[in-house]
Protein backbone atom coordinates (compact mmCIF):
# COMPACT_ATOMS: atom_id res chain seq x y z
CA MET A 1 73.15 100.36 10.74
CA ALA A 2 71.46 97.72 12.88
CA ASN A 3 72.75 94.15 12.81
CA LEU A 4 70.53 92.41 10.24
CA ILE A 5 70.58 89.05 12.02
CA SER A 6 69.66 90.62 15.36
CA GLU A 7 66.61 92.13 13.68
CA VAL A 8 65.65 88.79 12.13
CA LEU A 9 66.04 86.97 15.45
CA ARG A 10 63.83 89.53 17.17
CA GLN A 11 61.12 88.76 14.61
CA GLY A 12 61.65 85.02 15.17
CA ILE A 13 62.92 82.19 12.95
CA TYR A 14 60.81 79.05 12.89
CA THR A 15 62.65 76.57 10.68
CA ARG A 16 63.69 72.92 11.00
CA ILE A 17 66.83 72.90 8.85
CA ILE A 18 67.69 76.33 7.51
CA ALA A 19 69.50 78.86 9.74
CA LYS A 20 69.75 76.66 12.81
CA ARG A 21 73.32 77.97 12.97
CA ILE A 22 74.14 81.51 11.88
CA GLN A 23 77.27 83.57 11.28
CA PHE A 24 77.07 87.32 10.75
CA HIS A 25 79.98 89.38 9.39
CA GLN A 26 80.04 93.14 9.13
CA GLU A 27 82.54 92.72 6.30
CA ILE A 28 83.91 89.61 4.62
CA GLU A 29 85.64 88.64 1.40
CA SER A 30 82.78 86.39 0.30
CA THR A 31 79.99 84.52 2.09
CA MET A 32 80.40 81.77 -0.52
CA ASP A 33 84.07 81.28 0.33
CA GLU A 34 83.34 81.24 4.06
CA ALA A 35 80.51 78.74 3.56
CA ARG A 36 82.74 76.48 1.47
CA LEU A 37 85.40 76.40 4.20
CA LEU A 38 82.80 75.58 6.84
CA ALA A 39 81.25 72.89 4.65
CA ILE A 40 84.63 71.21 4.16
CA LYS A 41 84.97 71.08 7.95
CA GLY A 42 81.53 69.49 8.21
CA THR A 43 79.36 72.15 9.81
CA ASP A 44 75.63 71.63 10.40
CA GLU A 45 73.31 71.47 7.42
CA GLY A 46 71.44 74.73 6.98
CA THR A 47 74.26 76.85 8.38
CA LEU A 48 73.70 80.45 7.28
CA ILE A 49 76.41 83.04 6.62
CA VAL A 50 75.26 86.65 6.25
CA ALA A 51 77.42 89.69 5.54
CA GLU A 52 76.70 93.39 5.54
CA ASN A 53 79.33 93.90 2.88
CA GLN A 54 81.50 91.68 0.70
CA LEU A 55 84.89 92.68 -0.67
CA ASN A 56 85.21 89.91 -3.23
CA SER A 57 81.68 88.78 -4.05
CA ARG A 58 80.84 86.95 -7.26
CA GLY A 59 77.88 85.88 -9.30
CA ARG A 60 77.29 83.20 -11.88
CA LEU A 61 79.98 82.47 -14.50
CA GLY A 62 82.59 84.27 -12.41
CA ARG A 63 80.96 87.68 -12.67
CA THR A 64 81.44 90.27 -9.94
CA TRP A 65 78.39 90.92 -7.79
CA ARG A 66 78.33 94.56 -6.68
CA SER A 67 78.13 94.68 -2.89
CA GLN A 68 76.89 97.67 -0.93
CA PRO A 69 75.71 97.86 2.70
CA GLY A 70 71.97 97.74 3.20
CA ASN A 71 71.25 94.78 0.92
CA ILE A 72 71.08 91.03 1.60
CA TYR A 73 74.15 88.87 1.00
CA MET A 74 73.91 85.32 2.30
CA SER A 75 75.06 81.75 1.74
CA LEU A 76 73.58 78.47 2.95
CA ILE A 77 75.31 75.12 3.42
CA LEU A 78 73.41 71.98 2.41
CA TYR A 79 74.15 68.27 2.16
CA PRO A 80 71.52 67.13 -0.36
CA ASP A 81 71.17 63.72 -1.96
CA THR A 82 72.65 63.57 -5.44
CA ALA A 83 69.20 63.30 -7.02
CA LEU A 84 68.12 66.52 -5.32
CA LEU A 85 71.15 68.55 -6.40
CA PRO A 86 69.72 69.82 -9.74
CA SER A 87 66.72 71.25 -7.87
CA ILE A 88 68.64 73.37 -5.35
CA GLY A 89 68.78 76.44 -7.61
CA MET A 90 65.08 76.03 -8.32
CA ILE A 91 64.29 75.94 -4.60
CA ALA A 92 66.46 78.98 -3.87
CA SER A 93 65.10 81.17 -6.67
CA LEU A 94 61.51 80.29 -5.80
CA ALA A 95 62.13 81.04 -2.12
CA VAL A 96 63.36 84.51 -3.08
CA SER A 97 60.57 85.11 -5.60
CA ARG A 98 57.87 84.08 -3.14
CA SER A 99 59.41 86.23 -0.40
CA ILE A 100 59.57 89.33 -2.56
CA GLU A 101 55.92 88.93 -3.53
CA ARG A 102 54.77 88.28 0.03
CA THR A 103 56.67 91.15 1.61
CA THR A 104 56.20 93.77 -1.09
CA GLY A 105 53.22 92.78 -3.24
CA ILE A 106 55.43 93.15 -6.34
CA ASP A 107 55.39 90.39 -8.97
CA ALA A 108 58.77 88.65 -9.10
CA GLU A 109 59.49 86.59 -12.21
CA LEU A 110 62.42 84.33 -12.96
CA LYS A 111 64.99 84.34 -15.75
CA TRP A 112 66.53 80.94 -16.35
CA PRO A 113 68.40 79.64 -14.60
CA ASN A 114 68.40 81.61 -11.33
CA ASP A 115 67.83 85.35 -11.71
CA ILE A 116 64.87 87.07 -10.07
CA ILE A 117 63.32 89.82 -12.18
CA VAL A 118 61.06 92.73 -11.21
CA ASN A 119 59.61 94.91 -13.98
CA GLY A 120 62.12 93.52 -16.45
CA LYS A 121 65.19 94.17 -14.30
CA LYS A 122 67.28 91.91 -12.09
CA VAL A 123 66.64 92.41 -8.39
CA ALA A 124 68.22 89.25 -7.00
CA GLY A 125 70.41 86.34 -8.01
CA VAL A 126 71.26 82.83 -6.90
CA LEU A 127 74.59 81.05 -7.20
CA THR A 128 74.97 77.33 -6.45
CA GLU A 129 78.30 75.59 -6.04
CA CYS A 130 78.91 72.00 -5.00
CA SER A 131 81.58 69.43 -4.35
CA LEU A 132 81.22 65.84 -5.56
CA GLU A 133 83.20 62.75 -4.61
CA GLU A 134 82.63 59.47 -6.44
CA ALA A 135 79.28 60.77 -7.75
CA GLN A 136 78.13 61.65 -4.23
CA VAL A 137 77.51 65.20 -3.01
CA ARG A 138 79.96 66.24 -0.33
CA TYR A 139 78.22 69.60 0.10
CA ALA A 140 76.36 72.31 -1.76
CA VAL A 141 76.62 76.04 -1.08
CA VAL A 142 73.83 78.36 -2.15
CA GLY A 143 74.54 82.08 -2.41
CA ILE A 144 71.71 84.61 -2.55
CA GLY A 145 72.00 88.33 -3.16
CA ILE A 146 68.95 90.60 -2.99
CA ASN A 147 69.04 94.29 -3.87
CA ILE A 148 67.19 96.20 -1.18
CA THR A 149 68.84 99.65 -1.18
CA PHE A 150 71.22 99.10 -4.10
CA ASP A 151 71.31 102.15 -6.38
CA PRO A 152 72.03 100.94 -9.94
CA SER A 153 72.50 104.51 -11.13
CA THR A 154 75.90 104.47 -9.40
CA TYR A 155 76.93 101.83 -11.94
CA PRO A 156 75.96 103.06 -15.44
CA GLU A 157 76.62 99.63 -16.94
CA LEU A 158 73.87 98.19 -14.72
CA SER A 159 71.28 100.98 -14.74
CA ASN A 160 69.22 99.40 -17.55
CA ARG A 161 69.50 95.86 -16.21
CA ALA A 162 69.29 96.04 -12.42
CA THR A 163 66.95 97.46 -9.82
CA SER A 164 66.25 97.27 -6.09
CA LEU A 165 63.16 96.66 -3.99
CA ASN A 166 63.32 100.13 -2.46
CA SER A 167 63.49 101.66 -5.94
CA GLU A 168 60.49 99.66 -7.10
CA LEU A 169 58.45 100.40 -3.97
CA GLY A 170 59.43 104.04 -3.65
CA THR A 171 59.92 103.54 0.07
CA ASN A 172 62.31 101.85 2.48
CA LEU A 173 61.60 98.15 2.97
CA ASN A 174 62.30 96.23 6.17
CA ARG A 175 65.01 93.91 4.85
CA ALA A 176 64.97 91.75 7.98
CA MET A 177 61.39 90.86 7.08
CA VAL A 178 62.52 89.85 3.58
CA LEU A 179 65.41 87.72 4.86
CA ARG A 180 63.21 86.03 7.47
CA CYS A 181 60.68 85.17 4.77
CA VAL A 182 63.40 83.76 2.50
CA LEU A 183 64.64 81.47 5.29
CA HIS A 184 61.14 80.15 5.98
CA GLU A 185 60.30 79.65 2.31
CA PHE A 186 63.61 77.91 1.64
CA ASP A 187 63.10 75.64 4.65
CA ASN A 188 59.61 74.63 3.52
CA LEU A 189 60.63 74.04 -0.09
CA TYR A 190 63.75 72.08 0.87
CA GLN A 191 61.85 69.81 3.24
CA SER A 192 59.20 69.17 0.60
CA ALA A 193 61.89 68.35 -1.96
CA GLN A 194 63.46 65.88 0.44
CA SER A 195 60.06 64.17 0.54
CA GLY A 196 59.98 63.99 -3.25
CA ILE A 197 57.75 67.02 -3.86
CA LEU A 198 59.49 69.41 -6.26
CA PRO A 199 58.09 72.85 -7.17
CA LEU A 200 58.81 72.43 -10.89
CA GLU A 201 55.41 73.60 -12.13
CA GLU A 202 55.46 76.73 -9.98
CA TRP A 203 59.02 77.44 -11.15
CA LYS A 204 57.95 77.11 -14.78
CA LEU A 205 54.92 79.37 -14.27
CA LYS A 206 57.19 82.13 -12.93
CA MET A 207 59.77 81.62 -15.70
CA HIS A 208 59.78 84.79 -17.80
CA THR A 209 62.20 83.09 -20.21
CA LEU A 210 59.69 80.54 -21.52
CA GLY A 211 58.07 81.36 -24.86
CA GLN A 212 60.71 83.96 -25.67
CA VAL A 213 63.27 83.92 -28.46
CA VAL A 214 66.55 83.82 -26.56
CA ASN A 215 70.28 83.47 -26.97
CA VAL A 216 71.81 80.75 -24.82
CA TYR A 217 75.55 81.09 -24.22
CA SER A 218 77.01 77.73 -23.29
CA GLY A 219 80.78 77.37 -23.21
CA ASN A 220 82.12 79.24 -26.24
CA GLU A 221 78.96 78.73 -28.27
CA CYS A 222 75.78 80.78 -28.67
CA TYR A 223 72.49 79.12 -29.58
CA THR A 224 69.38 81.05 -30.61
CA GLY A 225 65.88 79.63 -30.42
CA VAL A 226 62.58 79.64 -28.59
CA ALA A 227 62.76 78.74 -24.89
CA GLU A 228 60.16 76.01 -25.12
CA ASP A 229 60.19 74.19 -21.80
CA ILE A 230 61.99 73.26 -18.60
CA ASN A 231 62.55 69.53 -18.13
CA ASP A 232 62.31 67.57 -14.88
CA TYR A 233 65.95 68.32 -14.10
CA GLY A 234 65.55 72.09 -14.43
CA SER A 235 67.31 72.19 -17.82
CA LEU A 236 66.18 74.59 -20.50
CA VAL A 237 64.70 73.05 -23.67
CA LEU A 238 65.45 75.28 -26.66
CA ARG A 239 63.63 74.92 -30.00
CA LEU A 240 66.22 75.71 -32.66
CA PRO A 241 65.43 77.35 -36.03
CA ASN A 242 65.86 74.00 -37.82
CA GLY A 243 63.15 72.45 -35.65
CA GLU A 244 65.52 70.42 -33.51
CA THR A 245 65.79 70.91 -29.75
CA GLY A 246 68.76 71.61 -27.56
CA VAL A 247 68.81 70.91 -23.82
CA PHE A 248 70.96 73.09 -21.55
CA SER A 249 71.65 72.36 -17.90
CA SER A 250 73.61 75.59 -17.49
CA GLY A 251 74.47 78.70 -19.42
CA ASP A 252 73.62 82.36 -19.74
CA VAL A 253 70.43 83.60 -21.40
CA THR A 254 69.59 86.91 -23.04
CA LEU A 255 66.47 87.88 -24.96
CA ASP A 256 67.00 87.98 -28.71
CA GLU A 257 65.46 91.19 -30.02
CA THR A 258 65.93 90.37 -33.70
CA GLY A 259 64.00 87.10 -33.80
CA TYR A 260 65.01 84.55 -36.43
């Protein structure tokens, strides 16, 4: 299998911040772990780590992310201002959503907070981790996984919840083209955010979660209500059955099929 980064470089990367420094690993424990170690050492902002396969990958809330060769597994290192930190997941998920639509023509919606959905199934995910010191951001690491060739039928527990771009297209997609587009979109969105222009309205328009009756799992509690809005900080505003609202900055969301 051809080196993914070599293919991307042949197509050209035209960014100001993102992917100015790149590491590629044929196999690694986790791009997130590698990025964290580099960030602690103080590597350049926008440093990109890409792996063909991960042995110990993870998703949100400590879940395992199934890694198979032929997909996209990457992490980016950022040093954002504290005020920008809540928007990093928004920027990342929009960059992926835009890239999927532009390279495939398939509509890519979002499930709060950072899942990318195609035809009702998860095709990509974003994981953001950060380190703070005295209320200042030391670094942020953004992990992105995109299913290109992933075959969910090999994992029965995922077959009704996950898909891949090749499966949706019915043909083999050039994944280097997808990755290149993600890097450009992320770079543009991140620079705009640094200038005070946040893509909140676009993020909300793509948010499949809004208007749905959902269950929000936060800590050990589950809250059911209508996903009414996303506030300026990217938090989910939930209208509870008693008419009150709950605001969640993090958590896990599932559609509630019973209503209330």
